[in-house]
Amino acid sequence: MSRPGLRYVVVTRQSNLPVQHFATIEGAADKIVRERALAIWTVLAQEGLEASAPMRKLNLAERKRLEKAMFPSLFE
């Protein structure tokens, strides 16, 4: 589960321009898969609910959750 004040941001790979914010990694993964945008979008974590809050790369546990949500057949 995610911590209060932590959200996940789908961003463009080239400029980290936010596309959409999500409360869970699974929601962000679903957006990328539905839009078929794996090559152009990625997910960052944002500490804080303000739009200006700093974003960071996902840690190892978060990356594993993202991969499991995006590619469930690899984890069967």
Protein backbone atom coordinates (compact mmCIF):
# COMPACT_ATOMS: atom_id res chain seq x y z
CA MET A 1 0.00 0.00 0.00
CA SER A 2 1.12 3.53 -0.60
CA ARG A 3 1.89 6.05 2.13
CA PRO A 4 -0.30 9.10 2.71
CA GLY A 5 0.89 11.98 0.56
CA LEU A 6 2.61 9.69 -1.94
CA ARG A 7 1.25 9.47 -5.45
CA TYR A 8 2.50 8.09 -8.71
CA VAL A 9 2.87 10.24 -11.79
CA VAL A 10 2.84 8.98 -15.37
CA VAL A 11 5.35 11.18 -17.21
CA THR A 12 6.87 11.39 -20.67
CA ARG A 13 10.27 9.73 -20.84
CA GLN A 14 12.02 12.64 -22.55
CA SER A 15 11.00 15.63 -20.46
CA ASN A 16 9.27 14.27 -17.33
CA LEU A 17 6.15 16.20 -18.33
CA PRO A 18 3.28 14.87 -16.15
CA VAL A 19 0.52 13.10 -18.05
CA GLN A 20 -1.65 12.04 -15.08
CA HIS A 21 -1.45 11.39 -11.31
CA PHE A 22 -2.52 8.18 -9.57
CA ALA A 23 -2.90 7.04 -5.97
CA THR A 24 -1.50 3.57 -6.76
CA ILE A 25 1.16 2.06 -8.97
CA GLU A 26 -1.42 -0.32 -10.37
CA GLY A 27 -3.53 2.60 -11.61
CA ALA A 28 -0.53 4.14 -13.33
CA ALA A 29 0.41 0.80 -14.90
CA ASP A 30 -3.14 0.36 -16.18
CA LYS A 31 -3.04 3.79 -17.84
CA ILE A 32 0.21 2.99 -19.67
CA VAL A 33 -1.03 -0.43 -20.82
CA ARG A 34 -4.45 0.87 -21.97
CA GLU A 35 -2.87 3.71 -23.95
CA ARG A 36 -0.13 1.41 -25.34
CA ALA A 37 2.43 4.04 -24.38
CA LEU A 38 5.17 1.93 -22.79
CA ALA A 39 7.81 3.36 -25.15
CA ILE A 40 6.98 7.01 -24.43
CA TRP A 41 5.73 7.10 -20.81
CA THR A 42 7.16 6.01 -17.48
CA VAL A 43 6.17 6.27 -13.81
CA LEU A 44 7.76 8.40 -11.09
CA ALA A 45 6.84 8.72 -7.41
CA GLN A 46 5.87 12.13 -6.06
CA GLU A 47 6.15 12.90 -2.36
CA GLY A 48 3.36 15.35 -1.63
CA LEU A 49 0.01 16.27 -3.09
CA GLU A 50 1.06 19.62 -4.57
CA ALA A 51 1.87 19.76 -8.27
CA SER A 52 5.23 21.32 -7.43
CA ALA A 53 6.28 18.47 -5.09
CA PRO A 54 9.54 16.81 -6.15
CA MET A 55 9.39 13.57 -8.16
CA ARG A 56 11.79 10.66 -7.78
CA LYS A 57 12.52 7.39 -9.56
CA LEU A 58 10.77 4.32 -8.21
CA ASN A 59 12.63 2.21 -5.68
CA LEU A 60 13.15 -1.52 -6.24
CA ALA A 61 9.95 -2.64 -4.48
CA GLU A 62 7.89 -0.07 -6.39
CA ARG A 63 9.44 -1.12 -9.72
CA LYS A 64 8.58 -4.76 -9.02
CA ARG A 65 4.96 -3.81 -8.26
CA LEU A 66 4.82 -1.78 -11.49
CA GLU A 67 6.23 -4.64 -13.58
CA LYS A 68 3.85 -7.14 -11.96
CA ALA A 69 0.89 -4.87 -12.75
CA MET A 70 1.98 -4.27 -16.34
CA PHE A 71 3.11 -7.80 -17.19
CA PRO A 72 1.14 -10.23 -14.95
CA SER A 73 1.86 -13.27 -17.14
CA LEU A 74 5.58 -13.00 -16.31
CA PHE A 75 4.83 -13.55 -12.62
CA GLU A 76 2.58 -16.62 -12.89
